[in-house]
Full PDB file with SEQRES, HELIX, SHEET, SSBOND, CRYST1, ORIGX, SCALE, CONECT and MASTER records, all heavy atoms in Angstrom:
SEQRES   1 A   42  ARG ALA GLN GLY ALA CYS LEU TYR LEU VAL ALA GLY SER          
SEQRES   2 A   42  ASP ARG LYS ILE ARG TYR VAL GLY ILE SER ARG ASN GLY          
SEQRES   3 A   42  LEU LYS HIS ARG TRP ARG THR SER PRO ALA PHE CYS ALA          
SEQRES   4 A   42  THR THR ALA                                                  
HELIX    1 AA1 LEU A   27  HIS A   29  5                                   3    
SHEET    1 AA1 2 CYS A   6  ALA A  11  0                                        
SHEET    2 AA1 2 ILE A  17  SER A  23 -1                                        
CRYST1    1.000    1.000    1.000  90.00  90.00  90.00 P 1           1          
ORIGX1      1.000000  0.000000  0.000000        0.00000                         
ORIGX2      0.000000  1.000000  0.000000        0.00000                         
ORIGX3      0.000000  0.000000  1.000000        0.00000                         
SCALE1      1.000000  0.000000  0.000000        0.00000                         
SCALE2      0.000000  1.000000  0.000000        0.00000                         
SCALE3      0.000000  0.000000  1.000000        0.00000                         
ATOM      1  N   ARG A   1      71.699  81.162  96.733  1.00  0.00           N  
ATOM      2  CA  ARG A   1      71.602  82.379  97.498  1.00  0.00           C  
ATOM      3  C   ARG A   1      73.030  82.855  98.152  1.00  0.00           C  
ATOM      4  O   ARG A   1      72.983  83.907  98.827  1.00  0.00           O  
ATOM      5  CB  ARG A   1      70.625  82.082  98.762  1.00  0.00           C  
ATOM      6  CG  ARG A   1      69.194  81.821  98.304  1.00  0.00           C  
ATOM      7  CD  ARG A   1      68.289  81.579  99.560  1.00  0.00           C  
ATOM      8  NE  ARG A   1      66.994  81.294  98.988  1.00  0.00           N  
ATOM      9  CZ  ARG A   1      66.032  82.276  98.738  1.00  0.00           C  
ATOM     10  NH1 ARG A   1      66.423  83.480  98.824  1.00  0.00           N  
ATOM     11  NH2 ARG A   1      64.854  81.946  98.436  1.00  0.00           N  
ATOM     12  N   ALA A   2      74.034  82.189  97.888  1.00  0.00           N  
ATOM     13  CA  ALA A   2      75.348  82.485  98.303  1.00  0.00           C  
ATOM     14  C   ALA A   2      75.788  83.880  97.870  1.00  0.00           C  
ATOM     15  O   ALA A   2      75.425  84.277  96.744  1.00  0.00           O  
ATOM     16  CB  ALA A   2      76.378  81.443  97.973  1.00  0.00           C  
ATOM     17  N   GLN A   3      76.552  84.666  98.655  1.00  0.00           N  
ATOM     18  CA  GLN A   3      76.970  85.983  98.320  1.00  0.00           C  
ATOM     19  C   GLN A   3      78.421  85.813  97.899  1.00  0.00           C  
ATOM     20  O   GLN A   3      79.158  84.836  98.221  1.00  0.00           O  
ATOM     21  CB  GLN A   3      76.917  86.905  99.551  1.00  0.00           C  
ATOM     22  CG  GLN A   3      75.521  87.105 100.120  1.00  0.00           C  
ATOM     23  CD  GLN A   3      74.595  87.685  99.139  1.00  0.00           C  
ATOM     24  OE1 GLN A   3      74.853  88.762  98.555  1.00  0.00           O  
ATOM     25  NE2 GLN A   3      73.414  87.148  98.900  1.00  0.00           N  
ATOM     26  N   GLY A   4      78.924  86.834  97.240  1.00  0.00           N  
ATOM     27  CA  GLY A   4      80.268  86.819  96.775  1.00  0.00           C  
ATOM     28  C   GLY A   4      80.490  86.519  95.275  1.00  0.00           C  
ATOM     29  O   GLY A   4      79.583  86.065  94.510  1.00  0.00           O  
ATOM     30  N   ALA A   5      81.738  86.824  94.806  1.00  0.00           N  
ATOM     31  CA  ALA A   5      82.006  86.641  93.407  1.00  0.00           C  
ATOM     32  C   ALA A   5      81.996  85.140  92.905  1.00  0.00           C  
ATOM     33  O   ALA A   5      82.494  84.271  93.717  1.00  0.00           O  
ATOM     34  CB  ALA A   5      83.393  87.273  93.122  1.00  0.00           C  
ATOM     35  N   CYS A   6      81.398  84.891  91.807  1.00  0.00           N  
ATOM     36  CA  CYS A   6      81.377  83.606  91.297  1.00  0.00           C  
ATOM     37  C   CYS A   6      81.294  83.523  89.736  1.00  0.00           C  
ATOM     38  O   CYS A   6      81.058  84.504  89.134  1.00  0.00           O  
ATOM     39  CB  CYS A   6      80.142  82.768  91.802  1.00  0.00           C  
ATOM     40  SG  CYS A   6      78.597  83.414  91.181  1.00  0.00           S  
ATOM     41  N   LEU A   7      81.798  82.453  89.225  1.00  0.00           N  
ATOM     42  CA  LEU A   7      81.745  82.259  87.819  1.00  0.00           C  
ATOM     43  C   LEU A   7      80.534  81.233  87.633  1.00  0.00           C  
ATOM     44  O   LEU A   7      80.481  80.300  88.442  1.00  0.00           O  
ATOM     45  CB  LEU A   7      82.932  81.511  87.281  1.00  0.00           C  
ATOM     46  CG  LEU A   7      83.035  81.333  85.740  1.00  0.00           C  
ATOM     47  CD1 LEU A   7      83.419  82.432  84.903  1.00  0.00           C  
ATOM     48  CD2 LEU A   7      84.188  80.188  85.565  1.00  0.00           C  
ATOM     49  N   TYR A   8      79.728  81.376  86.595  1.00  0.00           N  
ATOM     50  CA  TYR A   8      78.699  80.336  86.324  1.00  0.00           C  
ATOM     51  C   TYR A   8      78.744  79.955  84.918  1.00  0.00           C  
ATOM     52  O   TYR A   8      79.090  80.668  84.004  1.00  0.00           O  
ATOM     53  CB  TYR A   8      77.362  80.819  86.930  1.00  0.00           C  
ATOM     54  CG  TYR A   8      76.823  82.066  86.102  1.00  0.00           C  
ATOM     55  CD1 TYR A   8      76.029  81.892  84.972  1.00  0.00           C  
ATOM     56  CD2 TYR A   8      77.082  83.346  86.639  1.00  0.00           C  
ATOM     57  CE1 TYR A   8      75.460  83.056  84.326  1.00  0.00           C  
ATOM     58  CE2 TYR A   8      76.565  84.406  85.954  1.00  0.00           C  
ATOM     59  CZ  TYR A   8      75.783  84.400  84.885  1.00  0.00           C  
ATOM     60  OH  TYR A   8      75.327  85.478  84.172  1.00  0.00           O  
ATOM     61  N   LEU A   9      78.247  78.801  84.727  1.00  0.00           N  
ATOM     62  CA  LEU A   9      78.173  78.111  83.272  1.00  0.00           C  
ATOM     63  C   LEU A   9      76.822  77.560  83.045  1.00  0.00           C  
ATOM     64  O   LEU A   9      76.218  76.824  84.020  1.00  0.00           O  
ATOM     65  CB  LEU A   9      79.279  77.138  83.200  1.00  0.00           C  
ATOM     66  CG  LEU A   9      80.698  77.557  83.567  1.00  0.00           C  
ATOM     67  CD1 LEU A   9      81.042  77.011  84.959  1.00  0.00           C  
ATOM     68  CD2 LEU A   9      81.713  76.951  82.564  1.00  0.00           C  
ATOM     69  N   VAL A  10      76.217  77.672  81.921  1.00  0.00           N  
ATOM     70  CA  VAL A  10      75.030  77.086  81.490  1.00  0.00           C  
ATOM     71  C   VAL A  10      75.324  75.850  80.461  1.00  0.00           C  
ATOM     72  O   VAL A  10      75.944  76.092  79.458  1.00  0.00           O  
ATOM     73  CB  VAL A  10      74.036  77.999  80.926  1.00  0.00           C  
ATOM     74  CG1 VAL A  10      72.798  77.356  80.460  1.00  0.00           C  
ATOM     75  CG2 VAL A  10      73.887  79.216  81.765  1.00  0.00           C  
ATOM     76  N   ALA A  11      75.037  74.726  80.844  1.00  0.00           N  
ATOM     77  CA  ALA A  11      75.349  73.520  79.928  1.00  0.00           C  
ATOM     78  C   ALA A  11      74.038  72.793  79.589  1.00  0.00           C  
ATOM     79  O   ALA A  11      73.135  72.866  80.450  1.00  0.00           O  
ATOM     80  CB  ALA A  11      76.313  72.571  80.611  1.00  0.00           C  
ATOM     81  N   GLY A  12      74.128  72.270  78.502  1.00  0.00           N  
ATOM     82  CA  GLY A  12      72.961  71.457  78.064  1.00  0.00           C  
ATOM     83  C   GLY A  12      73.064  70.047  78.571  1.00  0.00           C  
ATOM     84  O   GLY A  12      74.157  69.667  79.124  1.00  0.00           O  
ATOM     85  N   SER A  13      72.131  69.169  78.280  1.00  0.00           N  
ATOM     86  CA  SER A  13      72.279  67.734  78.725  1.00  0.00           C  
ATOM     87  C   SER A  13      73.392  67.075  77.912  1.00  0.00           C  
ATOM     88  O   SER A  13      73.946  66.008  78.403  1.00  0.00           O  
ATOM     89  CB  SER A  13      70.936  66.987  78.431  1.00  0.00           C  
ATOM     90  OG  SER A  13      70.479  67.199  77.053  1.00  0.00           O  
ATOM     91  N   ASP A  14      73.866  67.704  76.883  1.00  0.00           N  
ATOM     92  CA  ASP A  14      75.001  67.110  76.097  1.00  0.00           C  
ATOM     93  C   ASP A  14      76.302  67.640  76.681  1.00  0.00           C  
ATOM     94  O   ASP A  14      77.366  67.349  76.186  1.00  0.00           O  
ATOM     95  CB  ASP A  14      74.926  67.514  74.555  1.00  0.00           C  
ATOM     96  CG  ASP A  14      74.726  69.007  74.431  1.00  0.00           C  
ATOM     97  OD1 ASP A  14      74.937  69.752  75.478  1.00  0.00           O  
ATOM     98  OD2 ASP A  14      74.490  69.498  73.259  1.00  0.00           O  
ATOM     99  N   ARG A  15      76.262  68.419  77.750  1.00  0.00           N  
ATOM    100  CA  ARG A  15      77.434  68.975  78.538  1.00  0.00           C  
ATOM    101  C   ARG A  15      78.180  70.081  77.688  1.00  0.00           C  
ATOM    102  O   ARG A  15      79.131  70.454  78.088  1.00  0.00           O  
ATOM    103  CB  ARG A  15      78.487  67.883  78.891  1.00  0.00           C  
ATOM    104  CG  ARG A  15      77.913  67.069  80.092  1.00  0.00           C  
ATOM    105  CD  ARG A  15      78.978  66.138  80.675  1.00  0.00           C  
ATOM    106  NE  ARG A  15      80.222  66.794  81.078  1.00  0.00           N  
ATOM    107  CZ  ARG A  15      80.359  67.444  82.305  1.00  0.00           C  
ATOM    108  NH1 ARG A  15      79.281  67.305  83.185  1.00  0.00           N  
ATOM    109  NH2 ARG A  15      81.587  67.972  82.608  1.00  0.00           N  
ATOM    110  N   LYS A  16      77.604  70.471  76.540  1.00  0.00           N  
ATOM    111  CA  LYS A  16      78.222  71.590  75.824  1.00  0.00           C  
ATOM    112  C   LYS A  16      77.788  72.882  76.617  1.00  0.00           C  
ATOM    113  O   LYS A  16      76.629  72.993  76.941  1.00  0.00           O  
ATOM    114  CB  LYS A  16      77.668  71.700  74.368  1.00  0.00           C  
ATOM    115  CG  LYS A  16      78.217  70.525  73.466  1.00  0.00           C  
ATOM    116  CD  LYS A  16      77.699  70.615  72.066  1.00  0.00           C  
ATOM    117  CE  LYS A  16      78.127  69.485  71.250  1.00  0.00           C  
ATOM    118  NZ  LYS A  16      77.667  69.450  69.801  1.00  0.00           N  
ATOM    119  N   ILE A  17      78.837  73.720  76.780  1.00  0.00           N  
ATOM    120  CA  ILE A  17      78.582  74.878  77.581  1.00  0.00           C  
ATOM    121  C   ILE A  17      78.033  76.037  76.694  1.00  0.00           C  
ATOM    122  O   ILE A  17      78.771  76.572  75.752  1.00  0.00           O  
ATOM    123  CB  ILE A  17      79.870  75.350  78.226  1.00  0.00           C  
ATOM    124  CG1 ILE A  17      80.398  74.175  79.203  1.00  0.00           C  
ATOM    125  CG2 ILE A  17      79.737  76.660  79.067  1.00  0.00           C  
ATOM    126  CD1 ILE A  17      81.741  74.339  79.649  1.00  0.00           C  
ATOM    127  N   ARG A  18      76.777  76.391  77.002  1.00  0.00           N  
ATOM    128  CA  ARG A  18      76.214  77.455  76.137  1.00  0.00           C  
ATOM    129  C   ARG A  18      76.641  78.851  76.609  1.00  0.00           C  
ATOM    130  O   ARG A  18      76.690  79.760  75.666  1.00  0.00           O  
ATOM    131  CB  ARG A  18      74.663  77.404  76.381  1.00  0.00           C  
ATOM    132  CG  ARG A  18      73.932  76.490  75.315  1.00  0.00           C  
ATOM    133  CD  ARG A  18      74.373  75.088  75.327  1.00  0.00           C  
ATOM    134  NE  ARG A  18      73.396  74.184  74.535  1.00  0.00           N  
ATOM    135  CZ  ARG A  18      73.520  72.934  74.410  1.00  0.00           C  
ATOM    136  NH1 ARG A  18      74.505  72.322  75.063  1.00  0.00           N  
ATOM    137  NH2 ARG A  18      72.632  72.148  73.774  1.00  0.00           N  
ATOM    138  N   TYR A  19      76.780  79.025  77.907  1.00  0.00           N  
ATOM    139  CA  TYR A  19      77.013  80.478  78.332  1.00  0.00           C  
ATOM    140  C   TYR A  19      77.941  80.439  79.514  1.00  0.00           C  
ATOM    141  O   TYR A  19      77.918  79.553  80.379  1.00  0.00           O  
ATOM    142  CB  TYR A  19      75.693  81.064  78.777  1.00  0.00           C  
ATOM    143  CG  TYR A  19      75.735  82.519  79.057  1.00  0.00           C  
ATOM    144  CD1 TYR A  19      75.582  83.525  78.108  1.00  0.00           C  
ATOM    145  CD2 TYR A  19      75.973  82.990  80.433  1.00  0.00           C  
ATOM    146  CE1 TYR A  19      75.657  84.904  78.409  1.00  0.00           C  
ATOM    147  CE2 TYR A  19      76.018  84.272  80.725  1.00  0.00           C  
ATOM    148  CZ  TYR A  19      75.824  85.270  79.672  1.00  0.00           C  
ATOM    149  OH  TYR A  19      75.914  86.641  80.027  1.00  0.00           O  
ATOM    150  N   VAL A  20      78.787  81.452  79.650  1.00  0.00           N  
ATOM    151  CA  VAL A  20      79.660  81.677  80.682  1.00  0.00           C  
ATOM    152  C   VAL A  20      79.404  83.087  81.206  1.00  0.00           C  
ATOM    153  O   VAL A  20      79.426  84.005  80.413  1.00  0.00           O  
ATOM    154  CB  VAL A  20      81.163  81.568  80.272  1.00  0.00           C  
ATOM    155  CG1 VAL A  20      82.086  81.799  81.516  1.00  0.00           C  
ATOM    156  CG2 VAL A  20      81.426  80.074  79.644  1.00  0.00           C  
ATOM    157  N   GLY A  21      79.250  83.111  82.470  1.00  0.00           N  
ATOM    158  CA  GLY A  21      78.975  84.502  83.069  1.00  0.00           C  
ATOM    159  C   GLY A  21      79.569  84.613  84.438  1.00  0.00           C  
ATOM    160  O   GLY A  21      80.017  83.706  85.031  1.00  0.00           O  
ATOM    161  N   ILE A  22      79.546  85.920  85.062  1.00  0.00           N  
ATOM    162  CA  ILE A  22      79.949  86.112  86.454  1.00  0.00           C  
ATOM    163  C   ILE A  22      78.924  86.844  87.173  1.00  0.00           C  
ATOM    164  O   ILE A  22      78.056  87.546  86.559  1.00  0.00           O  
ATOM    165  CB  ILE A  22      81.315  86.793  86.456  1.00  0.00           C  
ATOM    166  CG1 ILE A  22      81.131  88.285  85.945  1.00  0.00           C  
ATOM    167  CG2 ILE A  22      82.439  86.066  85.727  1.00  0.00           C  
ATOM    168  CD1 ILE A  22      82.357  89.175  86.081  1.00  0.00           C  
ATOM    169  N   SER A  23      78.961  86.784  88.450  1.00  0.00           N  
ATOM    170  CA  SER A  23      78.190  87.586  89.361  1.00  0.00           C  
ATOM    171  C   SER A  23      79.126  88.121  90.467  1.00  0.00           C  
ATOM    172  O   SER A  23      79.930  87.289  91.027  1.00  0.00           O  
ATOM    173  CB  SER A  23      77.044  86.921  89.927  1.00  0.00           C  
ATOM    174  OG  SER A  23      76.334  87.707  90.856  1.00  0.00           O  
ATOM    175  N   ARG A  24      79.097  89.291  90.691  1.00  0.00           N  
ATOM    176  CA  ARG A  24      79.943  89.868  91.822  1.00  0.00           C  
ATOM    177  C   ARG A  24      79.323  89.704  93.201  1.00  0.00           C  
ATOM    178  O   ARG A  24      79.935  89.686  94.136  1.00  0.00           O  
ATOM    179  CB  ARG A  24      80.089  91.411  91.594  1.00  0.00           C  
ATOM    180  CG  ARG A  24      80.937  91.821  90.290  1.00  0.00           C  
ATOM    181  CD  ARG A  24      80.981  93.162  89.978  1.00  0.00           C  
ATOM    182  NE  ARG A  24      81.793  93.594  88.865  1.00  0.00           N  
ATOM    183  CZ  ARG A  24      81.477  93.376  87.579  1.00  0.00           C  
ATOM    184  NH1 ARG A  24      80.201  93.003  87.311  1.00  0.00           N  
ATOM    185  NH2 ARG A  24      82.285  93.694  86.618  1.00  0.00           N  
ATOM    186  N   ASN A  25      77.958  89.457  93.170  1.00  0.00           N  
ATOM    187  CA  ASN A  25      77.212  89.290  94.369  1.00  0.00           C  
ATOM    188  C   ASN A  25      76.519  88.002  94.671  1.00  0.00           C  
ATOM    189  O   ASN A  25      75.639  87.949  95.524  1.00  0.00           O  
ATOM    190  CB  ASN A  25      76.245  90.493  94.497  1.00  0.00           C  
ATOM    191  CG  ASN A  25      76.890  91.890  94.495  1.00  0.00           C  
ATOM    192  OD1 ASN A  25      77.806  92.157  95.196  1.00  0.00           O  
ATOM    193  ND2 ASN A  25      76.514  92.691  93.393  1.00  0.00           N  
ATOM    194  N   GLY A  26      76.825  86.931  93.816  1.00  0.00           N  
ATOM    195  CA  GLY A  26      76.155  85.782  93.999  1.00  0.00           C  
ATOM    196  C   GLY A  26      75.232  85.401  92.808  1.00  0.00           C  
ATOM    197  O   GLY A  26      74.731  86.317  92.149  1.00  0.00           O  
ATOM    198  N   LEU A  27      75.022  84.153  92.586  1.00  0.00           N  
ATOM    199  CA  LEU A  27      74.337  83.699  91.402  1.00  0.00           C  
ATOM    200  C   LEU A  27      72.838  84.304  91.322  1.00  0.00           C  
ATOM    201  O   LEU A  27      72.409  84.550  90.208  1.00  0.00           O  
ATOM    202  CB  LEU A  27      74.288  82.207  91.398  1.00  0.00           C  
ATOM    203  CG  LEU A  27      73.721  81.589  90.087  1.00  0.00           C  
ATOM    204  CD1 LEU A  27      74.614  81.886  88.976  1.00  0.00           C  
ATOM    205  CD2 LEU A  27      73.459  80.023  90.313  1.00  0.00           C  
ATOM    206  N   LYS A  28      72.215  84.367  92.395  1.00  0.00           N  
ATOM    207  CA  LYS A  28      70.754  84.787  92.349  1.00  0.00           C  
ATOM    208  C   LYS A  28      70.674  86.272  91.890  1.00  0.00           C  
ATOM    209  O   LYS A  28      69.599  86.734  91.499  1.00  0.00           O  
ATOM    210  CB  LYS A  28      70.062  84.625  93.681  1.00  0.00           C  
ATOM    211  CG  LYS A  28      68.565  84.606  93.613  1.00  0.00           C  
ATOM    212  CD  LYS A  28      67.877  84.082  94.748  1.00  0.00           C  
ATOM    213  CE  LYS A  28      66.395  84.030  94.459  1.00  0.00           C  
ATOM    214  NZ  LYS A  28      65.577  83.545  95.553  1.00  0.00           N  
ATOM    215  N   HIS A  29      71.713  87.063  91.866  1.00  0.00           N  
ATOM    216  CA  HIS A  29      71.697  88.454  91.396  1.00  0.00           C  
ATOM    217  C   HIS A  29      71.559  88.354  89.872  1.00  0.00           C  
ATOM    218  O   HIS A  29      71.210  89.305  89.294  1.00  0.00           O  
ATOM    219  CB  HIS A  29      72.845  89.228  91.847  1.00  0.00           C  
ATOM    220  CG  HIS A  29      72.746  89.629  93.302  1.00  0.00           C  
ATOM    221  ND1 HIS A  29      72.353  90.938  93.656  1.00  0.00           N  
ATOM    222  CD2 HIS A  29      72.961  88.985  94.370  1.00  0.00           C  
ATOM    223  CE1 HIS A  29      72.359  91.044  94.896  1.00  0.00           C  
ATOM    224  NE2 HIS A  29      72.687  89.899  95.492  1.00  0.00           N  
ATOM    225  N   ARG A  30      71.926  87.275  89.266  1.00  0.00           N  
ATOM    226  CA  ARG A  30      71.892  87.183  87.750  1.00  0.00           C  
ATOM    227  C   ARG A  30      70.772  86.171  87.287  1.00  0.00           C  
ATOM    228  O   ARG A  30      70.047  86.541  86.381  1.00  0.00           O  
ATOM    229  CB  ARG A  30      73.300  86.627  87.244  1.00  0.00           C  
ATOM    230  CG  ARG A  30      74.502  87.480  87.509  1.00  0.00           C  
ATOM    231  CD  ARG A  30      74.184  88.965  86.876  1.00  0.00           C  
ATOM    232  NE  ARG A  30      73.856  89.007  85.477  1.00  0.00           N  
ATOM    233  CZ  ARG A  30      74.606  88.868  84.520  1.00  0.00           C  
ATOM    234  NH1 ARG A  30      75.877  88.678  84.688  1.00  0.00           N  
ATOM    235  NH2 ARG A  30      74.081  88.917  83.288  1.00  0.00           N  
ATOM    236  N   TRP A  31      70.651  85.125  88.021  1.00  0.00           N  
ATOM    237  CA  TRP A  31      69.479  84.140  87.796  1.00  0.00           C  
ATOM    238  C   TRP A  31      68.368  84.460  88.821  1.00  0.00           C  
ATOM    239  O   TRP A  31      68.379  83.718  89.839  1.00  0.00           O  
ATOM    240  CB  TRP A  31      69.897  82.779  87.787  1.00  0.00           C  
ATOM    241  CG  TRP A  31      70.818  82.422  86.540  1.00  0.00           C  
ATOM    242  CD1 TRP A  31      72.125  82.664  86.361  1.00  0.00           C  
ATOM    243  CD2 TRP A  31      70.293  81.976  85.347  1.00  0.00           C  
ATOM    244  NE1 TRP A  31      72.424  82.243  85.135  1.00  0.00           N  
ATOM    245  CE2 TRP A  31      71.377  81.682  84.410  1.00  0.00           C  
ATOM    246  CE3 TRP A  31      69.034  81.478  84.950  1.00  0.00           C  
ATOM    247  CZ2 TRP A  31      71.270  81.357  83.167  1.00  0.00           C  
ATOM    248  CZ3 TRP A  31      68.875  81.072  83.571  1.00  0.00           C  
ATOM    249  CH2 TRP A  31      69.953  80.849  82.765  1.00  0.00           C  
ATOM    250  N   ARG A  32      67.622  85.432  88.608  1.00  0.00           N  
ATOM    251  CA  ARG A  32      66.739  85.955  89.633  1.00  0.00           C  
ATOM    252  C   ARG A  32      65.273  85.610  89.306  1.00  0.00           C  
ATOM    253  O   ARG A  32      64.931  85.348  88.152  1.00  0.00           O  
ATOM    254  CB  ARG A  32      66.864  87.396  89.907  1.00  0.00           C  
ATOM    255  CG  ARG A  32      66.399  88.253  88.714  1.00  0.00           C  
ATOM    256  CD  ARG A  32      66.642  89.689  89.071  1.00  0.00           C  
ATOM    257  NE  ARG A  32      68.066  90.091  89.329  1.00  0.00           N  
ATOM    258  CZ  ARG A  32      68.454  91.170  89.888  1.00  0.00           C  
ATOM    259  NH1 ARG A  32      67.451  92.126  90.298  1.00  0.00           N  
ATOM    260  NH2 ARG A  32      69.720  91.442  90.132  1.00  0.00           N  
ATOM    261  N   THR A  33      64.383  85.570  90.357  1.00  0.00           N  
ATOM    262  CA  THR A  33      62.950  85.487  90.160  1.00  0.00           C  
ATOM    263  C   THR A  33      62.311  86.792  90.162  1.00  0.00           C  
ATOM    264  O   THR A  33      62.666  87.521  91.214  1.00  0.00           O  
ATOM    265  CB  THR A  33      62.384  84.450  90.981  1.00  0.00           C  
ATOM    266  OG1 THR A  33      62.651  84.829  92.355  1.00  0.00           O  
ATOM    267  CG2 THR A  33      62.797  83.097  90.745  1.00  0.00           C  
ATOM    268  N   SER A  34      61.595  87.261  89.240  1.00  0.00           N  
ATOM    269  CA  SER A  34      61.026  88.604  89.126  1.00  0.00           C  
ATOM    270  C   SER A  34      59.481  88.529  89.069  1.00  0.00           C  
ATOM    271  O   SER A  34      58.908  87.542  88.535  1.00  0.00           O  
ATOM    272  CB  SER A  34      61.590  89.266  87.844  1.00  0.00           C  
ATOM    273  OG  SER A  34      62.912  89.279  87.748  1.00  0.00           O  
ATOM    274  N   PRO A  35      58.850  89.627  89.596  1.00  0.00           N  
ATOM    275  CA  PRO A  35      57.470  89.642  89.378  1.00  0.00           C  
ATOM    276  C   PRO A  35      57.041  89.564  87.961  1.00  0.00           C  
ATOM    277  O   PRO A  35      57.702  90.207  87.089  1.00  0.00           O  
ATOM    278  CB  PRO A  35      57.086  91.124  90.009  1.00  0.00           C  
ATOM    279  CG  PRO A  35      58.206  91.437  91.026  1.00  0.00           C  
ATOM    280  CD  PRO A  35      59.392  90.659  90.399  1.00  0.00           C  
ATOM    281  N   ALA A  36      56.056  88.883  87.703  1.00  0.00           N  
ATOM    282  CA  ALA A  36      55.564  88.693  86.254  1.00  0.00           C  
ATOM    283  C   ALA A  36      54.174  88.977  85.981  1.00  0.00           C  
ATOM    284  O   ALA A  36      53.328  88.833  86.927  1.00  0.00           O  
ATOM    285  CB  ALA A  36      55.772  87.104  85.937  1.00  0.00           C  
ATOM    286  N   PHE A  37      53.942  89.445  84.814  1.00  0.00           N  
ATOM    287  CA  PHE A  37      52.664  89.914  84.397  1.00  0.00           C  
ATOM    288  C   PHE A  37      52.207  89.266  83.195  1.00  0.00           C  
ATOM    289  O   PHE A  37      53.021  89.126  82.246  1.00  0.00           O  
ATOM    290  CB  PHE A  37      52.565  91.419  84.284  1.00  0.00           C  
ATOM    291  CG  PHE A  37      52.946  92.196  85.579  1.00  0.00           C  
ATOM    292  CD1 PHE A  37      54.282  92.308  85.971  1.00  0.00           C  
ATOM    293  CD2 PHE A  37      51.893  92.571  86.393  1.00  0.00           C  
ATOM    294  CE1 PHE A  37      54.581  92.979  87.135  1.00  0.00           C  
ATOM    295  CE2 PHE A  37      52.125  93.244  87.594  1.00  0.00           C  
ATOM    296  CZ  PHE A  37      53.540  93.436  87.935  1.00  0.00           C  
ATOM    297  N   CYS A  38      50.977  88.796  83.039  1.00  0.00           N  
ATOM    298  CA  CYS A  38      50.492  88.296  81.819  1.00  0.00           C  
ATOM    299  C   CYS A  38      50.716  89.105  80.647  1.00  0.00           C  
ATOM    300  O   CYS A  38      50.215  90.272  80.659  1.00  0.00           O  
ATOM    301  CB  CYS A  38      48.998  87.814  81.985  1.00  0.00           C  
ATOM    302  SG  CYS A  38      48.285  87.103  80.435  1.00  0.00           S  
ATOM    303  N   ALA A  39      51.278  88.601  79.612  1.00  0.00           N  
ATOM    304  CA  ALA A  39      51.497  89.499  78.347  1.00  0.00           C  
ATOM    305  C   ALA A  39      50.284  89.881  77.713  1.00  0.00           C  
ATOM    306  O   ALA A  39      50.258  90.911  76.987  1.00  0.00           O  
ATOM    307  CB  ALA A  39      52.434  88.724  77.335  1.00  0.00           C  
ATOM    308  N   THR A  40      49.188  89.155  77.834  1.00  0.00           N  
ATOM    309  CA  THR A  40      47.943  89.484  77.295  1.00  0.00           C  
ATOM    310  C   THR A  40      47.043  90.415  78.106  1.00  0.00           C  
ATOM    311  O   THR A  40      46.516  91.414  77.566  1.00  0.00           O  
ATOM    312  CB  THR A  40      47.125  88.152  76.956  1.00  0.00           C  
ATOM    313  OG1 THR A  40      47.943  87.315  76.145  1.00  0.00           O  
ATOM    314  CG2 THR A  40      45.844  88.460  76.251  1.00  0.00           C  
ATOM    315  N   THR A  41      46.876  90.130  79.380  1.00  0.00           N  
ATOM    316  CA  THR A  41      45.954  90.804  80.202  1.00  0.00           C  
ATOM    317  C   THR A  41      46.622  91.892  81.135  1.00  0.00           C  
ATOM    318  O   THR A  41      45.913  92.667  81.742  1.00  0.00           O  
ATOM    319  CB  THR A  41      45.203  89.866  81.074  1.00  0.00           C  
ATOM    320  OG1 THR A  41      46.051  89.217  82.038  1.00  0.00           O  
ATOM    321  CG2 THR A  41      44.504  88.763  80.245  1.00  0.00           C  
ATOM    322  N   ALA A  42      48.006  91.806  81.197  1.00  0.00           N  
ATOM    323  CA  ALA A  42      48.754  92.638  82.189  1.00  0.00           C  
ATOM    324  C   ALA A  42      48.518  92.335  83.652  1.00  0.00           C  
ATOM    325  O   ALA A  42      48.901  93.034  84.442  1.00  0.00           O  
ATOM    326  CB  ALA A  42      48.602  94.091  81.821  1.00  0.00           C  
TER     327      ALA A  42                                                      
MASTER        0    0    0    1    2    0    0    6  326    1    0    4          
END                                                                             
C-alpha cells in the first residue's frame, strides 16, 4: 500500500526474474485487486 515511485520485480521459485516494472504511485497501483465477474454467468 506504500505510495511513491518504486521498481518491482517478479521472480519464480528458481529466482529467475520474469518481469521488471515500475509504479509512480506505489505497487498496488499496478498489482491491484479489481471487481470480478464470472466469465460464464456475468
